[in-house]
Structure formats: structure tokens, C-alpha cells
Amino acid sequence: MDFLYSTALTVHLLVGAALIGLVLLQHGKGADMGAAFGSGASGSLFGASGSANFLSRVTAVLAAVFFLTSLGLTYLATTKPKAAASVMDRAAPTPAPTAPAVPSVPDGSKAKDVPK
């Protein structure tokens, strides 16, 4: 269970970092006006509009993976067996002490006559 949790956490962190990077790479809505006046977007690796579609699709896939790993980590964290918090919690419980047995009074004794 610990290996699965560690793996899911690692994937979650890597996807989160990639998601941040992809969002920062994308053009904003105001960047289209600059591209219309010849900022060189048509000479990019994916073409004039290819990078926007590719980056937005990859971002959507990474967002879905991020969401699923979040749910998976939540499930794994809540189903872990609860560990003992201290040494005293791990110690075996000891039975409660019993009261000492009251000795029986012999018939000829004067112990019955002593006021209590």
C-alpha cells in the first residue's frame, strides 16, 4: 500500500508541474492581436493554429490525470490502517487488578461482634 501511495504521489507531483508549465506556455486571449501583426506565430513548430490546439488538448488530458490522481490519493490516504500514535498505544492492555479475596470468618470467632 505504501508503494502505491508513493507512486501516485510522484505521478501527481509530476503532472502538476507539467500542467503549470503547459498553462504558462499557452497564449492568452490578448496574444492573438499581436500575432495578427506578424509576431512570427505562423513559423512555429505546429503552424499558425496548431500549437493552440495541441497545447490545449495536452493540458486537458493532464488536468484529467491530475484530477484522477487527486481522487486516488484521497482514497489511499483514508483507507490506510491507523497506526498507533505512541508507545503506550502499542502496549498490550493489562487486565484490571482484582480485589483480594475476603477470608472467611470461622464460626467461633469474635470478629462478627466487632463494630464496623
N, C-alpha and C. Protein backbone atom coordinates (compact mmCIF):
# COMPACT_ATOMS: atom_id res chain seq x y z
N MET A 1 0.82 -1.19 0.00
CA MET A 1 0.00 0.00 0.00
C MET A 1 0.88 1.26 0.00
N ASP A 2 2.01 1.21 0.69
CA ASP A 2 2.89 2.37 0.73
C ASP A 2 3.53 2.63 -0.63
N PHE A 3 3.85 1.57 -1.37
CA PHE A 3 4.43 1.73 -2.70
C PHE A 3 3.43 2.38 -3.64
N LEU A 4 2.18 1.96 -3.57
CA LEU A 4 1.15 2.53 -4.42
C LEU A 4 0.91 4.00 -4.09
N TYR A 5 0.91 4.33 -2.81
CA TYR A 5 0.72 5.72 -2.39
C TYR A 5 1.90 6.59 -2.86
N SER A 6 3.12 6.07 -2.71
CA SER A 6 4.30 6.83 -3.15
C SER A 6 4.31 7.03 -4.65
N THR A 7 3.92 6.02 -5.39
CA THR A 7 3.86 6.12 -6.85
C THR A 7 2.81 7.13 -7.28
N ALA A 8 1.63 7.06 -6.67
CA ALA A 8 0.56 8.00 -7.02
C ALA A 8 0.95 9.43 -6.67
N LEU A 9 1.63 9.60 -5.55
CA LEU A 9 2.06 10.94 -5.16
C LEU A 9 3.12 11.49 -6.11
N THR A 10 4.04 10.64 -6.55
CA THR A 10 5.06 11.06 -7.51
C THR A 10 4.43 11.47 -8.84
N VAL A 11 3.50 10.65 -9.32
CA VAL A 11 2.81 10.97 -10.58
C VAL A 11 2.03 12.27 -10.43
N HIS A 12 1.38 12.45 -9.29
CA HIS A 12 0.59 13.65 -9.04
C HIS A 12 1.46 14.90 -9.08
N LEU A 13 2.63 14.85 -8.45
CA LEU A 13 3.53 16.00 -8.43
C LEU A 13 4.09 16.30 -9.82
N LEU A 14 4.45 15.24 -10.56
CA LEU A 14 4.98 15.46 -11.91
C LEU A 14 3.92 16.02 -12.85
N VAL A 15 2.71 15.51 -12.75
CA VAL A 15 1.62 16.01 -13.60
C VAL A 15 1.29 17.46 -13.22
N GLY A 16 1.33 17.76 -11.93
CA GLY A 16 1.07 19.13 -11.51
C GLY A 16 2.11 20.11 -12.06
N ALA A 17 3.38 19.72 -12.02
CA ALA A 17 4.43 20.58 -12.56
C ALA A 17 4.28 20.73 -14.07
N ALA A 18 3.96 19.66 -14.77
CA ALA A 18 3.77 19.72 -16.22
C ALA A 18 2.55 20.58 -16.56
N LEU A 19 1.52 20.49 -15.77
CA LEU A 19 0.32 21.28 -16.00
C LEU A 19 0.60 22.78 -15.83
N ILE A 20 1.39 23.11 -14.83
CA ILE A 20 1.78 24.51 -14.63
C ILE A 20 2.60 25.00 -15.83
N GLY A 21 3.55 24.19 -16.27
CA GLY A 21 4.37 24.57 -17.42
C GLY A 21 3.56 24.75 -18.69
N LEU A 22 2.61 23.86 -18.94
CA LEU A 22 1.80 23.97 -20.16
C LEU A 22 0.88 25.18 -20.12
N VAL A 23 0.35 25.50 -18.97
CA VAL A 23 -0.51 26.68 -18.88
C VAL A 23 0.31 27.94 -19.13
N LEU A 24 1.53 27.97 -18.62
CA LEU A 24 2.37 29.14 -18.85
C LEU A 24 2.84 29.25 -20.30
N LEU A 25 2.93 28.15 -21.03
CA LEU A 25 3.34 28.18 -22.44
C LEU A 25 2.25 28.68 -23.38
N GLN A 26 1.00 28.54 -22.97
CA GLN A 26 -0.10 28.88 -23.87
C GLN A 26 -0.25 30.39 -24.00
N HIS A 27 -0.77 30.79 -25.15
CA HIS A 27 -1.03 32.20 -25.41
C HIS A 27 -2.34 32.58 -24.75
N GLY A 28 -2.39 33.80 -24.25
CA GLY A 28 -3.63 34.33 -23.69
C GLY A 28 -4.55 34.82 -24.79
N LYS A 29 -5.71 35.29 -24.40
CA LYS A 29 -6.66 35.81 -25.40
C LYS A 29 -6.13 37.08 -26.07
N GLY A 30 -5.39 37.88 -25.34
CA GLY A 30 -4.86 39.12 -25.91
C GLY A 30 -3.67 38.91 -26.82
N ALA A 31 -3.09 37.72 -26.82
CA ALA A 31 -1.91 37.45 -27.65
C ALA A 31 -2.28 37.28 -29.12
N ASP A 32 -3.55 37.04 -29.43
CA ASP A 32 -3.96 36.85 -30.81
C ASP A 32 -3.82 38.14 -31.61
N MET A 33 -4.04 39.25 -30.99
CA MET A 33 -3.92 40.54 -31.69
C MET A 33 -2.47 40.79 -32.09
N GLY A 34 -1.53 40.45 -31.24
CA GLY A 34 -0.13 40.61 -31.58
C GLY A 34 0.30 39.66 -32.70
N ALA A 35 -0.28 38.47 -32.72
CA ALA A 35 0.05 37.51 -33.77
C ALA A 35 -0.48 37.96 -35.12
N ALA A 36 -1.55 38.74 -35.12
CA ALA A 36 -2.13 39.21 -36.38
C ALA A 36 -1.21 40.21 -37.07
N PHE A 37 -0.39 40.90 -36.31
CA PHE A 37 0.50 41.90 -36.89
C PHE A 37 1.91 41.36 -37.13
N GLY A 38 2.05 40.05 -37.21
CA GLY A 38 3.31 39.48 -37.64
C GLY A 38 4.30 39.20 -36.52
N SER A 39 3.87 38.59 -35.47
CA SER A 39 4.80 38.26 -34.39
C SER A 39 5.51 36.94 -34.63
N GLY A 40 5.29 36.31 -35.76
CA GLY A 40 6.02 35.09 -36.10
C GLY A 40 5.35 33.81 -35.63
N ALA A 41 4.08 33.81 -35.34
CA ALA A 41 3.40 32.61 -34.88
C ALA A 41 3.23 31.61 -36.00
N SER A 42 3.20 32.08 -37.25
CA SER A 42 2.99 31.14 -38.35
C SER A 42 4.23 30.29 -38.60
N GLY A 43 5.39 30.72 -38.13
CA GLY A 43 6.61 29.97 -38.33
C GLY A 43 6.94 29.06 -37.16
N SER A 44 5.97 28.78 -36.31
CA SER A 44 6.23 27.94 -35.15
C SER A 44 6.27 26.47 -35.54
N LEU A 45 6.57 25.64 -34.59
CA LEU A 45 6.72 24.21 -34.82
C LEU A 45 5.41 23.55 -35.27
N PHE A 46 4.28 24.02 -34.72
CA PHE A 46 2.99 23.39 -35.01
C PHE A 46 2.18 24.14 -36.06
N GLY A 47 2.70 25.21 -36.60
CA GLY A 47 1.96 26.01 -37.57
C GLY A 47 1.27 27.17 -36.87
N ALA A 48 0.40 27.88 -37.63
CA ALA A 48 -0.23 29.09 -37.09
C ALA A 48 -1.20 28.78 -35.96
N SER A 49 -2.03 27.78 -36.11
CA SER A 49 -3.02 27.48 -35.06
C SER A 49 -2.83 26.09 -34.46
N GLY A 50 -1.82 25.37 -34.91
CA GLY A 50 -1.63 24.01 -34.44
C GLY A 50 -1.18 23.93 -32.99
N SER A 51 -0.38 24.89 -32.55
CA SER A 51 0.12 24.82 -31.18
C SER A 51 -0.99 25.06 -30.18
N ALA A 52 -1.93 25.92 -30.50
CA ALA A 52 -3.03 26.20 -29.57
C ALA A 52 -3.88 24.95 -29.37
N ASN A 53 -4.17 24.25 -30.44
CA ASN A 53 -4.99 23.04 -30.30
C ASN A 53 -4.22 21.94 -29.57
N PHE A 54 -2.96 21.76 -29.94
CA PHE A 54 -2.16 20.71 -29.31
C PHE A 54 -1.96 20.99 -27.82
N LEU A 55 -1.57 22.19 -27.47
CA LEU A 55 -1.32 22.52 -26.07
C LEU A 55 -2.61 22.46 -25.24
N SER A 56 -3.71 22.90 -25.80
CA SER A 56 -4.96 22.85 -25.04
C SER A 56 -5.43 21.42 -24.83
N ARG A 57 -5.20 20.56 -25.81
CA ARG A 57 -5.59 19.15 -25.62
C ARG A 57 -4.70 18.45 -24.59
N VAL A 58 -3.40 18.70 -24.67
CA VAL A 58 -2.48 18.10 -23.70
C VAL A 58 -2.79 18.62 -22.30
N THR A 59 -3.12 19.90 -22.19
CA THR A 59 -3.48 20.47 -20.89
C THR A 59 -4.75 19.82 -20.35
N ALA A 60 -5.72 19.58 -21.20
CA ALA A 60 -6.96 18.93 -20.76
C ALA A 60 -6.70 17.50 -20.28
N VAL A 61 -5.84 16.78 -20.99
CA VAL A 61 -5.51 15.41 -20.58
C VAL A 61 -4.77 15.41 -19.25
N LEU A 62 -3.81 16.31 -19.10
CA LEU A 62 -3.06 16.39 -17.84
C LEU A 62 -3.96 16.84 -16.69
N ALA A 63 -4.92 17.70 -16.97
CA ALA A 63 -5.86 18.11 -15.92
C ALA A 63 -6.71 16.94 -15.48
N ALA A 64 -7.13 16.09 -16.42
CA ALA A 64 -7.90 14.90 -16.07
C ALA A 64 -7.07 13.92 -15.24
N VAL A 65 -5.81 13.73 -15.63
CA VAL A 65 -4.92 12.85 -14.87
C VAL A 65 -4.68 13.41 -13.48
N PHE A 66 -4.51 14.73 -13.38
CA PHE A 66 -4.32 15.38 -12.08
C PHE A 66 -5.54 15.18 -11.19
N PHE A 67 -6.72 15.30 -11.76
CA PHE A 67 -7.96 15.09 -11.02
C PHE A 67 -8.06 13.64 -10.54
N LEU A 68 -7.74 12.69 -11.39
CA LEU A 68 -7.83 11.28 -11.02
C LEU A 68 -6.80 10.90 -9.95
N THR A 69 -5.59 11.45 -10.06
CA THR A 69 -4.60 11.15 -9.03
C THR A 69 -4.98 11.80 -7.70
N SER A 70 -5.65 12.95 -7.76
CA SER A 70 -6.13 13.57 -6.52
C SER A 70 -7.15 12.67 -5.83
N LEU A 71 -8.08 12.14 -6.61
CA LEU A 71 -9.07 11.22 -6.04
C LEU A 71 -8.42 9.94 -5.53
N GLY A 72 -7.46 9.43 -6.28
CA GLY A 72 -6.77 8.21 -5.85
C GLY A 72 -5.98 8.42 -4.57
N LEU A 73 -5.30 9.54 -4.45
CA LEU A 73 -4.55 9.83 -3.22
C LEU A 73 -5.49 10.00 -2.03
N THR A 74 -6.63 10.60 -2.27
CA THR A 74 -7.62 10.75 -1.20
C THR A 74 -8.10 9.39 -0.72
N TYR A 75 -8.39 8.51 -1.67
CA TYR A 75 -8.85 7.17 -1.30
C TYR A 75 -7.76 6.40 -0.54
N LEU A 76 -6.53 6.47 -1.04
CA LEU A 76 -5.44 5.74 -0.38
C LEU A 76 -5.14 6.29 1.01
N ALA A 77 -5.28 7.59 1.18
CA ALA A 77 -5.00 8.19 2.49
C ALA A 77 -6.07 7.84 3.52
N THR A 78 -7.31 7.68 3.08
CA THR A 78 -8.38 7.40 4.03
C THR A 78 -8.53 5.92 4.34
N THR A 79 -8.00 5.05 3.51
CA THR A 79 -8.14 3.62 3.77
C THR A 79 -6.91 3.01 4.41
N LYS A 80 -5.91 3.84 4.74
CA LYS A 80 -4.73 3.32 5.41
C LYS A 80 -5.11 2.85 6.81
N PRO A 81 -4.52 1.74 7.26
CA PRO A 81 -4.78 1.35 8.64
C PRO A 81 -4.16 2.37 9.59
N LYS A 82 -4.89 2.71 10.62
CA LYS A 82 -4.42 3.74 11.54
C LYS A 82 -3.29 3.20 12.39
N ALA A 83 -2.17 3.88 12.37
CA ALA A 83 -1.01 3.48 13.15
C ALA A 83 -1.15 4.01 14.58
N ALA A 84 -0.51 3.32 15.50
CA ALA A 84 -0.54 3.77 16.89
C ALA A 84 0.22 5.08 17.01
N ALA A 85 -0.30 5.98 17.83
CA ALA A 85 0.29 7.30 17.95
C ALA A 85 1.46 7.33 18.92
N SER A 86 1.45 6.46 19.92
CA SER A 86 2.52 6.48 20.89
C SER A 86 2.88 5.06 21.31
N VAL A 87 3.91 4.96 22.12
CA VAL A 87 4.35 3.66 22.61
C VAL A 87 3.27 3.05 23.51
N MET A 88 2.60 3.89 24.26
CA MET A 88 1.57 3.40 25.18
C MET A 88 0.38 2.81 24.42
N ASP A 89 0.10 3.35 23.22
CA ASP A 89 -0.99 2.79 22.43
C ASP A 89 -0.64 1.41 21.88
N ARG A 90 0.64 1.17 21.65
CA ARG A 90 1.07 -0.13 21.11
C ARG A 90 1.18 -1.20 22.18
N ALA A 91 1.28 -0.81 23.44
CA ALA A 91 1.44 -1.78 24.53
C ALA A 91 0.16 -2.59 24.69
N ALA A 92 0.34 -3.84 25.07
CA ALA A 92 -0.81 -4.72 25.27
C ALA A 92 -1.56 -4.27 26.52
N PRO A 93 -2.87 -4.25 26.48
CA PRO A 93 -3.62 -3.83 27.66
C PRO A 93 -3.48 -4.86 28.78
N THR A 94 -3.30 -4.36 29.98
CA THR A 94 -3.18 -5.25 31.15
C THR A 94 -4.53 -5.36 31.82
N PRO A 95 -4.86 -6.52 32.34
CA PRO A 95 -6.16 -6.66 32.99
C PRO A 95 -6.19 -5.84 34.28
N ALA A 96 -7.36 -5.39 34.63
CA ALA A 96 -7.53 -4.60 35.85
C ALA A 96 -7.28 -5.49 37.07
N PRO A 97 -6.67 -4.91 38.11
CA PRO A 97 -6.41 -5.74 39.32
C PRO A 97 -7.74 -6.12 39.98
N THR A 98 -7.75 -7.31 40.49
CA THR A 98 -8.97 -7.78 41.17
C THR A 98 -8.82 -7.54 42.67
N ALA A 99 -9.93 -7.42 43.33
CA ALA A 99 -9.92 -7.21 44.78
C ALA A 99 -9.47 -8.49 45.46
N PRO A 100 -8.70 -8.35 46.55
CA PRO A 100 -8.26 -9.57 47.24
C PRO A 100 -9.46 -10.29 47.85
N ALA A 101 -9.32 -11.59 47.89
CA ALA A 101 -10.41 -12.41 48.43
C ALA A 101 -10.53 -12.16 49.93
N VAL A 102 -11.76 -12.04 50.40
CA VAL A 102 -12.01 -11.83 51.83
C VAL A 102 -11.97 -13.20 52.52
N PRO A 103 -11.10 -13.32 53.52
CA PRO A 103 -11.05 -14.63 54.18
C PRO A 103 -12.35 -14.88 54.95
N SER A 104 -12.72 -16.11 54.95
CA SER A 104 -13.95 -16.46 55.66
C SER A 104 -13.68 -16.46 57.17
N VAL A 105 -14.66 -16.05 57.91
CA VAL A 105 -14.54 -15.95 59.36
C VAL A 105 -14.96 -17.29 59.97
N PRO A 106 -14.12 -17.87 60.82
CA PRO A 106 -14.54 -19.13 61.45
C PRO A 106 -15.73 -18.90 62.38
N ASP A 107 -16.47 -19.95 62.64
CA ASP A 107 -17.70 -19.84 63.42
C ASP A 107 -17.44 -19.40 64.86
N GLY A 108 -16.38 -19.80 65.48
CA GLY A 108 -16.12 -19.49 66.87
C GLY A 108 -15.40 -18.16 67.06
N SER A 109 -15.27 -17.39 66.06
CA SER A 109 -14.51 -16.14 66.16
C SER A 109 -15.38 -15.02 66.67
N LYS A 110 -14.77 -14.02 67.28
CA LYS A 110 -15.50 -12.85 67.78
C LYS A 110 -15.45 -11.72 66.75
N ALA A 111 -14.96 -11.96 65.54
CA ALA A 111 -14.86 -10.92 64.54
C ALA A 111 -16.23 -10.43 64.12
N LYS A 112 -17.27 -11.23 64.27
CA LYS A 112 -18.62 -10.79 63.93
C LYS A 112 -19.11 -9.74 64.89
N ASP A 113 -18.59 -9.74 66.11
CA ASP A 113 -19.09 -8.83 67.14
C ASP A 113 -18.39 -7.48 67.11
N VAL A 114 -17.34 -7.34 66.39
CA VAL A 114 -16.60 -6.08 66.34
C VAL A 114 -17.39 -5.09 65.48
N PRO A 115 -17.67 -3.89 66.04
CA PRO A 115 -18.44 -2.91 65.25
C PRO A 115 -17.62 -2.39 64.08
N LYS A 116 -18.29 -2.06 63.05
CA LYS A 116 -17.62 -1.61 61.85
C LYS A 116 -17.82 -0.13 61.66
